[in-house]
Amino acid sequence: MTSREALYYEPAGDTVRCLLCPHQCVIKEGHAGICHVRRNEKGILVTDIYGKLSALHFAPVLLI
C-alpha cells in the first residue's frame, strides 16, 4: 500500500489533528481518523487513498 503525507493537519505532541473536515480528529500514533483513510504514522498524517478512486456517482440521463 502506497502512502503519501496528507495535507491539512497539525502536529499536537504525540498525536496529530486532522483539519480536512469538521470532525477535526485527534489521531494517536498508529491509529486512523473517523474516515479510516487518514492515519498517524510516526507523527505524520498520511493518506492511503491518494491517486485512487474514492467516490463514484451516476446521474440518470432524461430524454425528453
PDB file of N, CA and C in Angstrom:
ATOM      1  N   MET A   1       0.846  -1.175   0.000  1.00  0.00           N
ATOM      2  CA  MET A   1       0.000   0.000   0.000  1.00  0.00           C
ATOM      3  C   MET A   1       0.892   1.239   0.000  1.00  0.00           C
ATOM      4  N   THR A   2       0.662   2.133  -0.938  1.00  0.00           N
ATOM      5  CA  THR A   2       1.447   3.353  -1.036  1.00  0.00           C
ATOM      6  C   THR A   2       0.776   4.458  -0.230  1.00  0.00           C
ATOM      7  N   SER A   3       1.544   5.062   0.647  1.00  0.00           N
ATOM      8  CA  SER A   3       1.028   6.156   1.472  1.00  0.00           C
ATOM      9  C   SER A   3       1.695   7.456   1.044  1.00  0.00           C
ATOM     10  N   ARG A   4       1.000   8.547   1.296  1.00  0.00           N
ATOM     11  CA  ARG A   4       1.536   9.866   0.990  1.00  0.00           C
ATOM     12  C   ARG A   4       1.180  10.794   2.142  1.00  0.00           C
ATOM     13  N   GLU A   5       2.075  11.719   2.464  1.00  0.00           N
ATOM     14  CA  GLU A   5       1.779  12.665   3.538  1.00  0.00           C
ATOM     15  C   GLU A   5       0.542  13.475   3.166  1.00  0.00           C
ATOM     16  N   ALA A   6      -0.372  13.543   4.100  1.00  0.00           N
ATOM     17  CA  ALA A   6      -1.630  14.253   3.884  1.00  0.00           C
ATOM     18  C   ALA A   6      -1.440  15.759   4.055  1.00  0.00           C
ATOM     19  N   LEU A   7      -2.350  16.503   3.494  1.00  0.00           N
ATOM     20  CA  LEU A   7      -2.402  17.949   3.675  1.00  0.00           C
ATOM     21  C   LEU A   7      -3.410  18.251   4.778  1.00  0.00           C
ATOM     22  N   TYR A   8      -3.422  19.462   5.273  1.00  0.00           N
ATOM     23  CA  TYR A   8      -4.411  19.950   6.233  1.00  0.00           C
ATOM     24  C   TYR A   8      -4.393  19.181   7.556  1.00  0.00           C
ATOM     25  N   TYR A   9      -3.280  19.245   8.249  1.00  0.00           N
ATOM     26  CA  TYR A   9      -3.176  18.681   9.589  1.00  0.00           C
ATOM     27  C   TYR A   9      -2.147  19.472  10.374  1.00  0.00           C
ATOM     28  N   GLU A  10      -2.175  19.301  11.682  1.00  0.00           N
ATOM     29  CA  GLU A  10      -1.164  19.940  12.524  1.00  0.00           C
ATOM     30  C   GLU A  10      -0.718  18.949  13.592  1.00  0.00           C
ATOM     31  N   PRO A  11       0.587  18.919  13.880  1.00  0.00           N
ATOM     32  CA  PRO A  11       1.077  18.054  14.951  1.00  0.00           C
ATOM     33  C   PRO A  11       0.596  18.569  16.305  1.00  0.00           C
ATOM     34  N   ALA A  12       0.294  17.643  17.189  1.00  0.00           N
ATOM     35  CA  ALA A  12      -0.179  18.022  18.528  1.00  0.00           C
ATOM     36  C   ALA A  12       0.473  17.096  19.546  1.00  0.00           C
ATOM     37  N   GLY A  13       1.794  17.240  19.746  1.00  0.00           N
ATOM     38  CA  GLY A  13       2.514  16.354  20.661  1.00  0.00           C
ATOM     39  C   GLY A  13       2.698  14.989  20.014  1.00  0.00           C
ATOM     40  N   ASP A  14       2.251  13.931  20.701  1.00  0.00           N
ATOM     41  CA  ASP A  14       2.363  12.586  20.139  1.00  0.00           C
ATOM     42  C   ASP A  14       1.145  12.220  19.279  1.00  0.00           C
ATOM     43  N   THR A  15       0.261  13.186  19.048  1.00  0.00           N
ATOM     44  CA  THR A  15      -0.904  12.990  18.195  1.00  0.00           C
ATOM     45  C   THR A  15      -0.846  13.992  17.049  1.00  0.00           C
ATOM     46  N   VAL A  16      -1.759  13.853  16.111  1.00  0.00           N
ATOM     47  CA  VAL A  16      -1.930  14.846  15.055  1.00  0.00           C
ATOM     48  C   VAL A  16      -3.408  15.201  14.984  1.00  0.00           C
ATOM     49  N   ARG A  17      -3.695  16.437  14.606  1.00  0.00           N
ATOM     50  CA  ARG A  17      -5.085  16.869  14.433  1.00  0.00           C
ATOM     51  C   ARG A  17      -5.330  17.049  12.938  1.00  0.00           C
ATOM     52  N   CYS A  18      -6.284  16.284  12.421  1.00  0.00           N
ATOM     53  CA  CYS A  18      -6.660  16.378  11.018  1.00  0.00           C
ATOM     54  C   CYS A  18      -7.595  17.578  10.856  1.00  0.00           C
ATOM     55  N   LEU A  19      -7.330  18.406   9.870  1.00  0.00           N
ATOM     56  CA  LEU A  19      -8.113  19.621   9.645  1.00  0.00           C
ATOM     57  C   LEU A  19      -8.914  19.562   8.345  1.00  0.00           C
ATOM     58  N   LEU A  20      -9.060  18.372   7.775  1.00  0.00           N
ATOM     59  CA  LEU A  20      -9.712  18.257   6.478  1.00  0.00           C
ATOM     60  C   LEU A  20     -11.222  18.434   6.542  1.00  0.00           C
ATOM     61  N   CYS A  21     -11.862  17.939   7.578  1.00  0.00           N
ATOM     62  CA  CYS A  21     -13.326  18.018   7.661  1.00  0.00           C
ATOM     63  C   CYS A  21     -13.747  18.551   9.029  1.00  0.00           C
ATOM     64  N   PRO A  22     -15.028  18.762   9.257  1.00  0.00           N
ATOM     65  CA  PRO A  22     -15.495  19.301  10.536  1.00  0.00           C
ATOM     66  C   PRO A  22     -15.264  18.397  11.746  1.00  0.00           C
ATOM     67  N   HIS A  23     -14.968  17.117  11.545  1.00  0.00           N
ATOM     68  CA  HIS A  23     -14.718  16.222  12.688  1.00  0.00           C
ATOM     69  C   HIS A  23     -13.450  16.616  13.448  1.00  0.00           C
ATOM     70  N   GLN A  24     -12.466  17.169  12.754  1.00  0.00           N
ATOM     71  CA  GLN A  24     -11.202  17.608  13.365  1.00  0.00           C
ATOM     72  C   GLN A  24     -10.625  16.524  14.278  1.00  0.00           C
ATOM     73  N   CYS A  25     -10.466  15.318  13.754  1.00  0.00           N
ATOM     74  CA  CYS A  25      -9.991  14.166  14.533  1.00  0.00           C
ATOM     75  C   CYS A  25      -8.619  14.416  15.144  1.00  0.00           C
ATOM     76  N   VAL A  26      -8.457  14.028  16.391  1.00  0.00           N
ATOM     77  CA  VAL A  26      -7.150  13.982  17.041  1.00  0.00           C
ATOM     78  C   VAL A  26      -6.754  12.515  17.014  1.00  0.00           C
ATOM     79  N   ILE A  27      -5.685  12.206  16.279  1.00  0.00           N
ATOM     80  CA  ILE A  27      -5.338  10.825  15.971  1.00  0.00           C
ATOM     81  C   ILE A  27      -4.045  10.425  16.669  1.00  0.00           C
ATOM     82  N   LYS A  28      -4.121   9.353  17.450  1.00  0.00           N
ATOM     83  CA  LYS A  28      -2.945   8.824  18.146  1.00  0.00           C
ATOM     84  C   LYS A  28      -2.061   8.053  17.179  1.00  0.00           C
ATOM     85  N   GLU A  29      -0.799   7.876  17.568  1.00  0.00           N
ATOM     86  CA  GLU A  29       0.175   7.120  16.786  1.00  0.00           C
ATOM     87  C   GLU A  29      -0.371   5.728  16.446  1.00  0.00           C
ATOM     88  N   GLY A  30      -0.326   5.380  15.163  1.00  0.00           N
ATOM     89  CA  GLY A  30      -0.763   4.064  14.720  1.00  0.00           C
ATOM     90  C   GLY A  30      -2.262   3.910  14.525  1.00  0.00           C
ATOM     91  N   HIS A  31      -3.029   4.962  14.754  1.00  0.00           N
ATOM     92  CA  HIS A  31      -4.480   4.905  14.609  1.00  0.00           C
ATOM     93  C   HIS A  31      -4.940   5.738  13.411  1.00  0.00           C
ATOM     94  N   ALA A  32      -6.198   5.506  13.000  1.00  0.00           N
ATOM     95  CA  ALA A  32      -6.796   6.249  11.891  1.00  0.00           C
ATOM     96  C   ALA A  32      -7.897   7.153  12.411  1.00  0.00           C
ATOM     97  N   GLY A  33      -8.277   8.131  11.594  1.00  0.00           N
ATOM     98  CA  GLY A  33      -9.380   9.022  11.948  1.00  0.00           C
ATOM     99  C   GLY A  33     -10.722   8.359  11.676  1.00  0.00           C
ATOM    100  N   ILE A  34     -11.782   9.108  11.875  1.00  0.00           N
ATOM    101  CA  ILE A  34     -13.136   8.584  11.698  1.00  0.00           C
ATOM    102  C   ILE A  34     -13.388   8.129  10.258  1.00  0.00           C
ATOM    103  N   CYS A  35     -12.680   8.711   9.292  1.00  0.00           N
ATOM    104  CA  CYS A  35     -12.853   8.354   7.878  1.00  0.00           C
ATOM    105  C   CYS A  35     -12.153   7.042   7.509  1.00  0.00           C
ATOM    106  N   HIS A  36     -11.192   6.608   8.322  1.00  0.00           N
ATOM    107  CA  HIS A  36     -10.411   5.382   8.114  1.00  0.00           C
ATOM    108  C   HIS A  36      -9.517   5.442   6.878  1.00  0.00           C
ATOM    109  N   VAL A  37      -9.244   6.620   6.332  1.00  0.00           N
ATOM    110  CA  VAL A  37      -8.325   6.741   5.200  1.00  0.00           C
ATOM    111  C   VAL A  37      -7.121   7.618   5.523  1.00  0.00           C
ATOM    112  N   ARG A  38      -7.140   8.283   6.676  1.00  0.00           N
ATOM    113  CA  ARG A  38      -6.004   9.096   7.119  1.00  0.00           C
ATOM    114  C   ARG A  38      -5.555   8.566   8.462  1.00  0.00           C
ATOM    115  N   ARG A  39      -4.239   8.365   8.613  1.00  0.00           N
ATOM    116  CA  ARG A  39      -3.731   7.776   9.850  1.00  0.00           C
ATOM    117  C   ARG A  39      -2.420   8.441  10.270  1.00  0.00           C
ATOM    118  N   ASN A  40      -2.139   8.317  11.557  1.00  0.00           N
ATOM    119  CA  ASN A  40      -0.924   8.882  12.136  1.00  0.00           C
ATOM    120  C   ASN A  40       0.179   7.842  12.034  1.00  0.00           C
ATOM    121  N   GLU A  41       1.228   8.180  11.303  1.00  0.00           N
ATOM    122  CA  GLU A  41       2.370   7.293  11.149  1.00  0.00           C
ATOM    123  C   GLU A  41       3.615   8.035  11.628  1.00  0.00           C
ATOM    124  N   LYS A  42       4.016   7.767  12.863  1.00  0.00           N
ATOM    125  CA  LYS A  42       5.197   8.395  13.466  1.00  0.00           C
ATOM    126  C   LYS A  42       5.098   9.916  13.494  1.00  0.00           C
ATOM    127  N   GLY A  43       3.903  10.434  13.830  1.00  0.00           N
ATOM    128  CA  GLY A  43       3.709  11.870  13.955  1.00  0.00           C
ATOM    129  C   GLY A  43       3.409  12.592  12.664  1.00  0.00           C
ATOM    130  N   ILE A  44       3.273  11.855  11.577  1.00  0.00           N
ATOM    131  CA  ILE A  44       2.941  12.440  10.281  1.00  0.00           C
ATOM    132  C   ILE A  44       1.608  11.855   9.841  1.00  0.00           C
ATOM    133  N   LEU A  45       0.689  12.720   9.433  1.00  0.00           N
ATOM    134  CA  LEU A  45      -0.605  12.251   8.947  1.00  0.00           C
ATOM    135  C   LEU A  45      -0.429  11.803   7.501  1.00  0.00           C
ATOM    136  N   VAL A  46      -0.781  10.556   7.226  1.00  0.00           N
ATOM    137  CA  VAL A  46      -0.651  10.012   5.875  1.00  0.00           C
ATOM    138  C   VAL A  46      -2.015   9.583   5.363  1.00  0.00           C
ATOM    139  N   THR A  47      -2.150   9.587   4.047  1.00  0.00           N
ATOM    140  CA  THR A  47      -3.380   9.136   3.404  1.00  0.00           C
ATOM    141  C   THR A  47      -3.062   7.914   2.551  1.00  0.00           C
ATOM    142  N   ASP A  48      -3.932   6.931   2.585  1.00  0.00           N
ATOM    143  CA  ASP A  48      -3.739   5.709   1.816  1.00  0.00           C
ATOM    144  C   ASP A  48      -4.515   5.713   0.511  1.00  0.00           C
ATOM    145  N   ILE A  49      -5.304   6.750   0.242  1.00  0.00           N
ATOM    146  CA  ILE A  49      -6.133   6.766  -0.962  1.00  0.00           C
ATOM    147  C   ILE A  49      -5.652   7.762  -2.004  1.00  0.00           C
ATOM    148  N   TYR A  50      -4.494   8.355  -1.831  1.00  0.00           N
ATOM    149  CA  TYR A  50      -4.003   9.330  -2.799  1.00  0.00           C
ATOM    150  C   TYR A  50      -3.891   8.664  -4.169  1.00  0.00           C
ATOM    151  N   GLY A  51      -4.515   9.263  -5.170  1.00  0.00           N
ATOM    152  CA  GLY A  51      -4.445   8.742  -6.523  1.00  0.00           C
ATOM    153  C   GLY A  51      -5.411   7.608  -6.811  1.00  0.00           C
ATOM    154  N   LYS A  52      -6.244   7.243  -5.844  1.00  0.00           N
ATOM    155  CA  LYS A  52      -7.213   6.165  -6.031  1.00  0.00           C
ATOM    156  C   LYS A  52      -8.619   6.747  -6.097  1.00  0.00           C
ATOM    157  N   LEU A  53      -9.497   6.067  -6.785  1.00  0.00           N
ATOM    158  CA  LEU A  53     -10.887   6.467  -6.864  1.00  0.00           C
ATOM    159  C   LEU A  53     -11.523   6.336  -5.485  1.00  0.00           C
ATOM    160  N   SER A  54     -12.113   7.420  -4.992  1.00  0.00           N
ATOM    161  CA  SER A  54     -12.706   7.379  -3.652  1.00  0.00           C
ATOM    162  C   SER A  54     -14.207   7.616  -3.662  1.00  0.00           C
ATOM    163  N   ALA A  55     -14.766   8.027  -4.796  1.00  0.00           N
ATOM    164  CA  ALA A  55     -16.215   8.240  -4.902  1.00  0.00           C
ATOM    165  C   ALA A  55     -16.621   8.087  -6.359  1.00  0.00           C
ATOM    166  N   LEU A  56     -17.829   7.616  -6.567  1.00  0.00           N
ATOM    167  CA  LEU A  56     -18.347   7.426  -7.899  1.00  0.00           C
ATOM    168  C   LEU A  56     -19.820   7.785  -7.894  1.00  0.00           C
ATOM    169  N   HIS A  57     -20.263   8.505  -8.908  1.00  0.00           N
ATOM    170  CA  HIS A  57     -21.660   8.935  -8.951  1.00  0.00           C
ATOM    171  C   HIS A  57     -22.191   8.770 -10.365  1.00  0.00           C
ATOM    172  N   PHE A  58     -23.358   8.170 -10.475  1.00  0.00           N
ATOM    173  CA  PHE A  58     -24.037   8.042 -11.751  1.00  0.00           C
ATOM    174  C   PHE A  58     -25.287   8.901 -11.714  1.00  0.00           C
ATOM    175  N   ALA A  59     -25.465   9.726 -12.709  1.00  0.00           N
ATOM    176  CA  ALA A  59     -26.658  10.555 -12.801  1.00  0.00           C
ATOM    177  C   ALA A  59     -27.483  10.069 -13.986  1.00  0.00           C
ATOM    178  N   PRO A  60     -28.779   9.900 -13.794  1.00  0.00           N
ATOM    179  CA  PRO A  60     -29.609   9.437 -14.907  1.00  0.00           C
ATOM    180  C   PRO A  60     -29.720  10.509 -15.986  1.00  0.00           C
ATOM    181  N   VAL A  61     -29.806  10.060 -17.220  1.00  0.00           N
ATOM    182  CA  VAL A  61     -29.972  10.971 -18.348  1.00  0.00           C
ATOM    183  C   VAL A  61     -31.433  10.895 -18.748  1.00  0.00           C
ATOM    184  N   LEU A  62     -32.119  12.021 -18.708  1.00  0.00           N
ATOM    185  CA  LEU A  62     -33.525  12.067 -19.052  1.00  0.00           C
ATOM    186  C   LEU A  62     -33.675  12.484 -20.504  1.00  0.00           C
ATOM    187  N   LEU A  63     -34.379  11.685 -21.277  1.00  0.00           N
ATOM    188  CA  LEU A  63     -34.658  12.009 -22.660  1.00  0.00           C
ATOM    189  C   LEU A  63     -36.061  12.552 -22.757  1.00  0.00           C
ATOM    190  N   ILE A  64     -36.177  13.734 -23.278  1.00  0.00           N
ATOM    191  CA  ILE A  64     -37.500  14.372 -23.353  1.00  0.00           C
ATOM    192  C   ILE A  64     -37.982  14.360 -24.789  1.00  0.00           C
TER     193      ILE A  64
END
